């Protein structure tokens, strides 16, 4: 099982569900929306991914992956609280949208690391989590996140502006 424990295997399956639901939501709605089925699935699968990850200690005790899990849960909480503020809050839609998108980026870090330090079998793409090529790949994913976040902000701003027909003459 690629060196995975039973918990590691279950954790991986849950994280794949989260990634698929998040990607579906991002492509369909340009955001991870907690009011959609895909968005809710993403959020809860992400919570389960984080919680199950706390029991995995392949590389010793509490480490960077566990810290990322804590950070992910904190960002999910902030995004959820922002969503409760309602559409009239000036910053809430931005915090919610960008927060959920940031957690998707967070998924990619251990996903890329754990996948490509194991695969392809016998000749993994990256030698270790510190491999410079892996770090460049994560940096590229961060650039994609920033570009996507900029598009999300632009879309949210456009949605807040009154349409030309609704403006007073």
C-alpha atoms as a PDB file:
ATOM      1  CA  UNK A   1       0.000   0.000   0.000  1.00  0.00           C
ATOM      2  CA  UNK A   2       2.810   2.427  -0.897  1.00  0.00           C
ATOM      3  CA  UNK A   3       4.065   2.455   2.683  1.00  0.00           C
ATOM      4  CA  UNK A   4       0.717   3.706   4.035  1.00  0.00           C
ATOM      5  CA  UNK A   5      -0.791   2.576   7.300  1.00  0.00           C
ATOM      6  CA  UNK A   6      -4.501   1.762   7.371  1.00  0.00           C
ATOM      7  CA  UNK A   7      -5.141   5.217   8.825  1.00  0.00           C
ATOM      8  CA  UNK A   8      -2.903   6.729   6.141  1.00  0.00           C
ATOM      9  CA  UNK A   9      -4.876   4.931   3.434  1.00  0.00           C
ATOM     10  CA  UNK A  10      -8.234   6.137   4.827  1.00  0.00           C
ATOM     11  CA  UNK A  11      -6.815   9.648   5.249  1.00  0.00           C
ATOM     12  CA  UNK A  12      -5.671   9.608   1.615  1.00  0.00           C
ATOM     13  CA  UNK A  13      -9.086   8.473   0.350  1.00  0.00           C
ATOM     14  CA  UNK A  14     -10.862  11.215   2.311  1.00  0.00           C
ATOM     15  CA  UNK A  15      -8.411  13.836   1.037  1.00  0.00           C
ATOM     16  CA  UNK A  16      -9.013  12.707  -2.558  1.00  0.00           C
ATOM     17  CA  UNK A  17     -12.758  13.168  -2.028  1.00  0.00           C
ATOM     18  CA  UNK A  18     -12.086  16.662  -0.658  1.00  0.00           C
ATOM     19  CA  UNK A  19      -9.843  17.569  -3.591  1.00  0.00           C
ATOM     20  CA  UNK A  20     -12.350  16.269  -6.158  1.00  0.00           C
ATOM     21  CA  UNK A  21     -15.246  18.142  -4.517  1.00  0.00           C
ATOM     22  CA  UNK A  22     -13.176  21.319  -4.159  1.00  0.00           C
ATOM     23  CA  UNK A  23     -11.980  21.213  -7.756  1.00  0.00           C
ATOM     24  CA  UNK A  24     -15.528  20.578  -8.975  1.00  0.00           C
ATOM     25  CA  UNK A  25     -16.793  23.514  -6.942  1.00  0.00           C
ATOM     26  CA  UNK A  26     -13.993  25.827  -8.096  1.00  0.00           C
ATOM     27  CA  UNK A  27     -14.520  24.952 -11.751  1.00  0.00           C
ATOM     28  CA  UNK A  28     -18.323  25.120 -11.634  1.00  0.00           C
ATOM     29  CA  UNK A  29     -18.879  28.063  -9.273  1.00  0.00           C
ATOM     30  CA  UNK A  30     -15.473  29.810  -9.367  1.00  0.00           C
ATOM     31  CA  UNK A  31     -15.496  29.380  -5.572  1.00  0.00           C
ATOM     32  CA  UNK A  32     -15.989  26.751  -2.908  1.00  0.00           C
ATOM     33  CA  UNK A  33     -19.519  27.577  -1.829  1.00  0.00           C
ATOM     34  CA  UNK A  34     -20.760  26.120   1.455  1.00  0.00           C
ATOM     35  CA  UNK A  35     -24.339  26.373   0.195  1.00  0.00           C
ATOM     36  CA  UNK A  36     -23.669  23.806  -2.548  1.00  0.00           C
ATOM     37  CA  UNK A  37     -23.435  20.033  -2.138  1.00  0.00           C
ATOM     38  CA  UNK A  38     -19.898  19.988  -3.556  1.00  0.00           C
ATOM     39  CA  UNK A  39     -18.858  22.819  -1.252  1.00  0.00           C
ATOM     40  CA  UNK A  40     -20.268  21.108   1.841  1.00  0.00           C
ATOM     41  CA  UNK A  41     -18.613  17.826   0.833  1.00  0.00           C
ATOM     42  CA  UNK A  42     -15.310  19.648   0.369  1.00  0.00           C
ATOM     43  CA  UNK A  43     -15.514  21.349   3.769  1.00  0.00           C
ATOM     44  CA  UNK A  44     -16.435  18.231   5.750  1.00  0.00           C
ATOM     45  CA  UNK A  45     -13.960  16.007   3.891  1.00  0.00           C
ATOM     46  CA  UNK A  46     -11.278  18.618   4.582  1.00  0.00           C
ATOM     47  CA  UNK A  47     -12.129  18.594   8.292  1.00  0.00           C
ATOM     48  CA  UNK A  48     -11.940  14.775   8.322  1.00  0.00           C
ATOM     49  CA  UNK A  49      -8.661  14.889   6.391  1.00  0.00           C
ATOM     50  CA  UNK A  50      -7.148  17.209   8.988  1.00  0.00           C
ATOM     51  CA  UNK A  51      -8.441  15.202  11.935  1.00  0.00           C
ATOM     52  CA  UNK A  52      -7.296  11.867  10.517  1.00  0.00           C
ATOM     53  CA  UNK A  53      -3.922  13.409   9.687  1.00  0.00           C
ATOM     54  CA  UNK A  54      -3.302  14.164  13.353  1.00  0.00           C
ATOM     55  CA  UNK A  55      -2.990  10.426  13.986  1.00  0.00           C
ATOM     56  CA  UNK A  56      -0.311   9.902  11.340  1.00  0.00           C
ATOM     57  CA  UNK A  57       3.248  10.120  12.636  1.00  0.00           C
ATOM     58  CA  UNK A  58       5.292   8.539   9.805  1.00  0.00           C
ATOM     59  CA  UNK A  59       8.130  11.000  10.337  1.00  0.00           C
ATOM     60  CA  UNK A  60       8.213  11.180  14.133  1.00  0.00           C
ATOM     61  CA  UNK A  61       6.037  13.376  16.348  1.00  0.00           C
ATOM     62  CA  UNK A  62       4.037  16.512  15.677  1.00  0.00           C
ATOM     63  CA  UNK A  63       5.520  18.137  12.574  1.00  0.00           C
ATOM     64  CA  UNK A  64       4.906  20.507   9.693  1.00  0.00           C
ATOM     65  CA  UNK A  65       2.021  18.460   8.235  1.00  0.00           C
ATOM     66  CA  UNK A  66       0.237  18.552  11.597  1.00  0.00           C
ATOM     67  CA  UNK A  67       0.797  22.312  11.867  1.00  0.00           C
ATOM     68  CA  UNK A  68      -0.671  22.701   8.378  1.00  0.00           C
ATOM     69  CA  UNK A  69      -3.694  20.685   9.524  1.00  0.00           C
ATOM     70  CA  UNK A  70      -4.204  23.038  12.480  1.00  0.00           C
ATOM     71  CA  UNK A  71      -3.831  26.063  10.185  1.00  0.00           C
ATOM     72  CA  UNK A  72      -6.304  24.556   7.716  1.00  0.00           C
ATOM     73  CA  UNK A  73      -8.892  24.034  10.461  1.00  0.00           C
ATOM     74  CA  UNK A  74      -8.382  27.618  11.667  1.00  0.00           C
ATOM     75  CA  UNK A  75      -8.848  29.035   8.152  1.00  0.00           C
ATOM     76  CA  UNK A  76     -11.943  26.855   7.639  1.00  0.00           C
ATOM     77  CA  UNK A  77     -13.340  28.248  10.892  1.00  0.00           C
ATOM     78  CA  UNK A  78     -12.650  31.855   9.914  1.00  0.00           C
ATOM     79  CA  UNK A  79     -14.237  31.296   6.482  1.00  0.00           C
ATOM     80  CA  UNK A  80     -17.305  29.683   8.052  1.00  0.00           C
ATOM     81  CA  UNK A  81     -17.672  32.536  10.558  1.00  0.00           C
ATOM     82  CA  UNK A  82     -17.355  35.068   7.752  1.00  0.00           C
ATOM     83  CA  UNK A  83     -20.126  33.273   5.893  1.00  0.00           C
ATOM     84  CA  UNK A  84     -22.414  33.690   8.897  1.00  0.00           C
ATOM     85  CA  UNK A  85     -21.922  37.466   8.801  1.00  0.00           C
ATOM     86  CA  UNK A  86     -24.201  37.614   5.790  1.00  0.00           C
ATOM     87  CA  UNK A  87     -23.970  39.225   2.368  1.00  0.00           C
ATOM     88  CA  UNK A  88     -24.357  42.745   3.815  1.00  0.00           C
ATOM     89  CA  UNK A  89     -20.968  42.557   5.502  1.00  0.00           C
ATOM     90  CA  UNK A  90     -18.383  44.311   3.377  1.00  0.00           C
ATOM     91  CA  UNK A  91     -15.499  41.888   3.944  1.00  0.00           C
ATOM     92  CA  UNK A  92     -17.291  38.625   4.733  1.00  0.00           C
ATOM     93  CA  UNK A  93     -17.699  37.394   1.136  1.00  0.00           C
ATOM     94  CA  UNK A  94     -13.999  37.997   0.458  1.00  0.00           C
ATOM     95  CA  UNK A  95     -12.845  36.292   3.664  1.00  0.00           C
ATOM     96  CA  UNK A  96     -15.134  33.329   3.049  1.00  0.00           C
ATOM     97  CA  UNK A  97     -14.258  32.859  -0.608  1.00  0.00           C
ATOM     98  CA  UNK A  98     -10.516  33.364  -0.240  1.00  0.00           C
ATOM     99  CA  UNK A  99     -10.388  31.320   2.968  1.00  0.00           C
ATOM    100  CA  UNK A 100     -11.935  28.242   1.371  1.00  0.00           C
ATOM    101  CA  UNK A 101      -9.697  28.642  -1.682  1.00  0.00           C
ATOM    102  CA  UNK A 102      -6.636  28.919   0.555  1.00  0.00           C
ATOM    103  CA  UNK A 103      -7.527  25.626   2.220  1.00  0.00           C
ATOM    104  CA  UNK A 104      -7.644  24.023  -1.228  1.00  0.00           C
ATOM    105  CA  UNK A 105      -4.071  25.241  -1.803  1.00  0.00           C
ATOM    106  CA  UNK A 106      -3.145  23.825   1.611  1.00  0.00           C
ATOM    107  CA  UNK A 107      -4.415  20.410   0.445  1.00  0.00           C
ATOM    108  CA  UNK A 108      -1.991  20.510  -2.458  1.00  0.00           C
ATOM    109  CA  UNK A 109       1.115  20.818  -0.294  1.00  0.00           C
ATOM    110  CA  UNK A 110       0.945  17.420   1.448  1.00  0.00           C
ATOM    111  CA  UNK A 111      -0.819  15.950  -1.578  1.00  0.00           C
ATOM    112  CA  UNK A 112       2.083  16.718  -3.884  1.00  0.00           C
ATOM    113  CA  UNK A 113       4.644  15.846  -1.231  1.00  0.00           C
ATOM    114  CA  UNK A 114       3.214  12.481  -0.209  1.00  0.00           C
ATOM    115  CA  UNK A 115       2.245  11.441  -3.722  1.00  0.00           C
ATOM    116  CA  UNK A 116       5.402  12.303  -5.595  1.00  0.00           C
ATOM    117  CA  UNK A 117       7.913  11.245  -2.945  1.00  0.00           C
ATOM    118  CA  UNK A 118       6.335   7.752  -3.378  1.00  0.00           C
ATOM    119  CA  UNK A 119       5.398   7.660  -7.075  1.00  0.00           C
ATOM    120  CA  UNK A 120       6.222   6.443  -9.602  1.00  0.00           C
ATOM    121  CA  UNK A 121       7.107   3.275  -7.722  1.00  0.00           C
ATOM    122  CA  UNK A 122      10.835   2.697  -7.602  1.00  0.00           C
ATOM    123  CA  UNK A 123      11.681   6.149  -9.000  1.00  0.00           C
ATOM    124  CA  UNK A 124       9.691   8.842  -7.184  1.00  0.00           C
ATOM    125  CA  UNK A 125       9.475  12.210  -8.876  1.00  0.00           C
ATOM    126  CA  UNK A 126      10.835  14.001  -5.778  1.00  0.00           C
ATOM    127  CA  UNK A 127      13.507  12.648  -3.439  1.00  0.00           C
ATOM    128  CA  UNK A 128      12.136  14.197  -0.233  1.00  0.00           C
ATOM    129  CA  UNK A 129       9.895  16.978   1.082  1.00  0.00           C
ATOM    130  CA  UNK A 130      12.934  19.275   0.864  1.00  0.00           C
ATOM    131  CA  UNK A 131      13.581  18.525  -2.823  1.00  0.00           C
ATOM    132  CA  UNK A 132      14.010  21.883  -4.640  1.00  0.00           C
ATOM    133  CA  UNK A 133      11.888  20.651  -7.552  1.00  0.00           C
ATOM    134  CA  UNK A 134       9.016  19.919  -5.162  1.00  0.00           C
ATOM    135  CA  UNK A 135       9.388  23.333  -3.561  1.00  0.00           C
ATOM    136  CA  UNK A 136       9.216  24.954  -7.006  1.00  0.00           C
ATOM    137  CA  UNK A 137       6.097  22.929  -7.811  1.00  0.00           C
ATOM    138  CA  UNK A 138       4.416  24.090  -4.591  1.00  0.00           C
ATOM    139  CA  UNK A 139       5.491  27.669  -5.388  1.00  0.00           C
ATOM    140  CA  UNK A 140       3.879  27.340  -8.835  1.00  0.00           C
ATOM    141  CA  UNK A 141       0.674  26.112  -7.196  1.00  0.00           C
ATOM    142  CA  UNK A 142       0.808  29.158  -4.910  1.00  0.00           C
ATOM    143  CA  UNK A 143       1.077  31.450  -7.943  1.00  0.00           C
ATOM    144  CA  UNK A 144      -1.970  29.716  -9.446  1.00  0.00           C
ATOM    145  CA  UNK A 145      -3.788  30.221  -6.122  1.00  0.00           C
ATOM    146  CA  UNK A 146      -2.903  33.954  -6.094  1.00  0.00           C
ATOM    147  CA  UNK A 147      -4.103  34.373  -9.689  1.00  0.00           C
ATOM    148  CA  UNK A 148      -7.313  32.502  -8.905  1.00  0.00           C
ATOM    149  CA  UNK A 149      -7.812  34.581  -5.761  1.00  0.00           C
ATOM    150  CA  UNK A 150      -7.395  37.769  -7.797  1.00  0.00           C
ATOM    151  CA  UNK A 151     -10.074  36.549 -10.213  1.00  0.00           C
ATOM    152  CA  UNK A 152     -12.352  35.702  -7.293  1.00  0.00           C
ATOM    153  CA  UNK A 153     -11.895  39.181  -5.798  1.00  0.00           C
ATOM    154  CA  UNK A 154     -12.623  40.731  -9.175  1.00  0.00           C
ATOM    155  CA  UNK A 155     -15.807  38.656  -9.509  1.00  0.00           C
ATOM    156  CA  UNK A 156     -16.935  39.558  -5.980  1.00  0.00           C
ATOM    157  CA  UNK A 157     -16.320  43.268  -6.601  1.00  0.00           C
ATOM    158  CA  UNK A 158     -18.301  43.136  -9.832  1.00  0.00           C
ATOM    159  CA  UNK A 159     -21.176  41.435  -8.033  1.00  0.00           C
ATOM    160  CA  UNK A 160     -21.256  44.215  -5.390  1.00  0.00           C
ATOM    161  CA  UNK A 161     -21.478  47.051  -7.925  1.00  0.00           C
ATOM    162  CA  UNK A 162     -24.992  48.094  -8.841  1.00  0.00           C
ATOM    163  CA  UNK A 163     -25.822  47.385 -12.449  1.00  0.00           C
ATOM    164  CA  UNK A 164     -26.140  50.289 -14.879  1.00  0.00           C
ATOM    165  CA  UNK A 165     -29.924  49.784 -15.022  1.00  0.00           C
ATOM    166  CA  UNK A 166     -30.240  49.981 -11.222  1.00  0.00           C
ATOM    167  CA  UNK A 167     -28.165  53.169 -10.821  1.00  0.00           C
ATOM    168  CA  UNK A 168     -30.085  56.387 -10.172  1.00  0.00           C
ATOM    169  CA  UNK A 169     -30.236  58.737 -13.144  1.00  0.00           C
END
